[in-house]
Amino acid sequence: MRRNRYPKELKEQLIQEAMEAGNATQVARRHGIDPKRLYYWIRESQHKGFQEAPAEAKQIAPYVPSAQEFKRLESENIALKKLLGEKTLEIQILQDLIKKKNPSYRKN
């Protein structure tokens, strides 16, 4: 099977038309192109900006919380650990009650 090559101008025109119409499948069928191919072109065109960006812009700076935010996160973490411990204990108590009430209960 022969592979079709489409000019860049046609691709850009179809992408623009699909964005304006909001229905890429309909645009692709109208022009006799496989809808998957048009969706691929659209996805590829959305990533061109990232590919063309300079390397400095692509670097991700590490997040460092301020001292106040760090204390708030630390206290929230302690509260969540306490809540998790309470819920774990509650589950264990309920499982013990089930075992006492129904001796044939097996834990999987």
Protein backbone atom coordinates (compact mmCIF):
# COMPACT_ATOMS: atom_id res chain seq x y z
CA MET A 1 0.00 0.00 0.00
CA ARG A 2 1.33 3.40 -1.01
CA ARG A 3 1.80 6.02 1.65
CA ASN A 4 0.40 9.49 0.91
CA ARG A 5 2.48 12.59 1.54
CA TYR A 6 0.57 15.76 2.30
CA PRO A 7 2.01 19.26 1.89
CA LYS A 8 2.57 21.27 5.05
CA GLU A 9 0.17 23.98 3.85
CA LEU A 10 -2.66 21.44 3.45
CA LYS A 11 -2.00 20.04 6.93
CA GLU A 12 -2.10 23.50 8.48
CA GLN A 13 -5.27 24.37 6.58
CA LEU A 14 -7.03 21.18 7.71
CA ILE A 15 -5.91 21.67 11.32
CA GLN A 16 -7.22 25.24 11.30
CA GLU A 17 -10.50 24.14 9.71
CA ALA A 18 -10.92 21.35 12.27
CA MET A 19 -10.29 23.76 15.14
CA GLU A 20 -12.84 26.23 13.79
CA ALA A 21 -15.46 23.57 13.03
CA GLY A 22 -14.89 21.71 16.30
CA ASN A 23 -15.33 18.37 14.54
CA ALA A 24 -12.13 16.93 13.12
CA THR A 25 -13.77 13.71 11.93
CA GLN A 26 -16.21 15.58 9.71
CA VAL A 27 -13.43 17.74 8.24
CA ALA A 28 -11.26 14.69 7.55
CA ARG A 29 -14.06 12.83 5.80
CA ARG A 30 -14.92 15.87 3.71
CA HIS A 31 -11.34 15.99 2.42
CA GLY A 32 -10.96 12.21 2.05
CA ILE A 33 -8.38 11.80 4.83
CA ASP A 34 -8.38 9.25 7.63
CA PRO A 35 -9.68 10.96 10.81
CA LYS A 36 -6.90 9.34 12.86
CA ARG A 37 -4.32 11.04 10.68
CA LEU A 38 -5.95 14.45 11.20
CA TYR A 39 -6.13 13.90 14.97
CA TYR A 40 -2.42 13.02 14.88
CA TRP A 41 -1.63 16.23 13.00
CA ILE A 42 -3.65 18.27 15.52
CA ARG A 43 -1.87 16.65 18.46
CA GLU A 44 1.49 17.17 16.76
CA SER A 45 0.75 20.84 16.05
CA GLN A 46 -0.10 21.46 19.70
CA HIS A 47 3.34 20.22 20.77
CA LYS A 48 5.32 22.25 18.25
CA GLY A 49 5.57 25.18 20.66
CA PHE A 50 7.23 22.97 23.24
CA GLN A 51 9.64 21.54 20.68
CA GLU A 52 10.65 24.99 19.43
CA ALA A 53 11.08 26.48 22.92
CA PRO A 54 14.62 27.10 24.17
CA ALA A 55 16.17 24.59 26.58
CA GLU A 56 16.09 27.09 29.47
CA ALA A 57 12.32 27.35 29.22
CA LYS A 58 11.91 23.56 29.41
CA GLN A 59 13.78 23.22 32.69
CA ILE A 60 11.55 22.80 35.72
CA ALA A 61 12.59 24.69 38.82
CA PRO A 62 12.28 22.76 42.10
CA TYR A 63 9.49 23.85 44.41
CA VAL A 64 10.71 25.11 47.77
CA PRO A 65 7.98 26.04 50.26
CA SER A 66 8.41 29.03 52.53
CA ALA A 67 8.98 28.45 56.26
CA GLN A 68 5.39 29.35 57.09
CA GLU A 69 4.00 27.06 54.41
CA PHE A 70 6.34 24.27 55.51
CA LYS A 71 5.02 24.48 59.09
CA ARG A 72 1.43 24.42 57.83
CA LEU A 73 2.14 21.37 55.65
CA GLU A 74 3.94 19.64 58.50
CA SER A 75 1.00 20.18 60.90
CA GLU A 76 -1.45 18.99 58.22
CA ASN A 77 0.69 15.88 57.70
CA ILE A 78 0.67 15.12 61.47
CA ALA A 79 -3.13 15.54 61.60
CA LEU A 80 -3.60 13.22 58.61
CA LYS A 81 -1.32 10.58 60.14
CA LYS A 82 -3.33 10.72 63.36
CA LEU A 83 -6.60 10.37 61.44
CA LEU A 84 -5.19 7.44 59.47
CA GLY A 85 -4.15 5.71 62.69
CA GLU A 86 -7.62 6.18 64.18
CA LYS A 87 -9.31 4.78 61.07
CA THR A 88 -6.94 1.79 60.98
CA LEU A 89 -7.72 1.05 64.64
CA GLU A 90 -11.45 1.39 63.95
CA ILE A 91 -11.23 -1.08 61.06
CA GLN A 92 -9.30 -3.55 63.18
CA ILE A 93 -11.91 -3.35 65.98
CA LEU A 94 -14.75 -3.92 63.51
CA GLN A 95 -12.96 -6.91 61.98
CA ASP A 96 -12.46 -8.42 65.47
CA LEU A 97 -16.18 -7.97 66.18
CA ILE A 98 -17.08 -9.72 62.95
CA LYS A 99 -14.78 -12.62 63.83
CA LYS A 100 -16.39 -12.98 67.28
CA LYS A 101 -19.91 -12.85 65.89
CA ASN A 102 -19.21 -15.16 62.95
CA PRO A 103 -16.37 -17.64 63.72
CA SER A 104 -16.37 -18.99 60.15
CA TYR A 105 -15.30 -15.57 58.84
CA ARG A 106 -11.90 -15.74 57.18
CA LYS A 107 -9.79 -12.82 56.23
CA ASN A 108 -8.60 -13.09 52.63
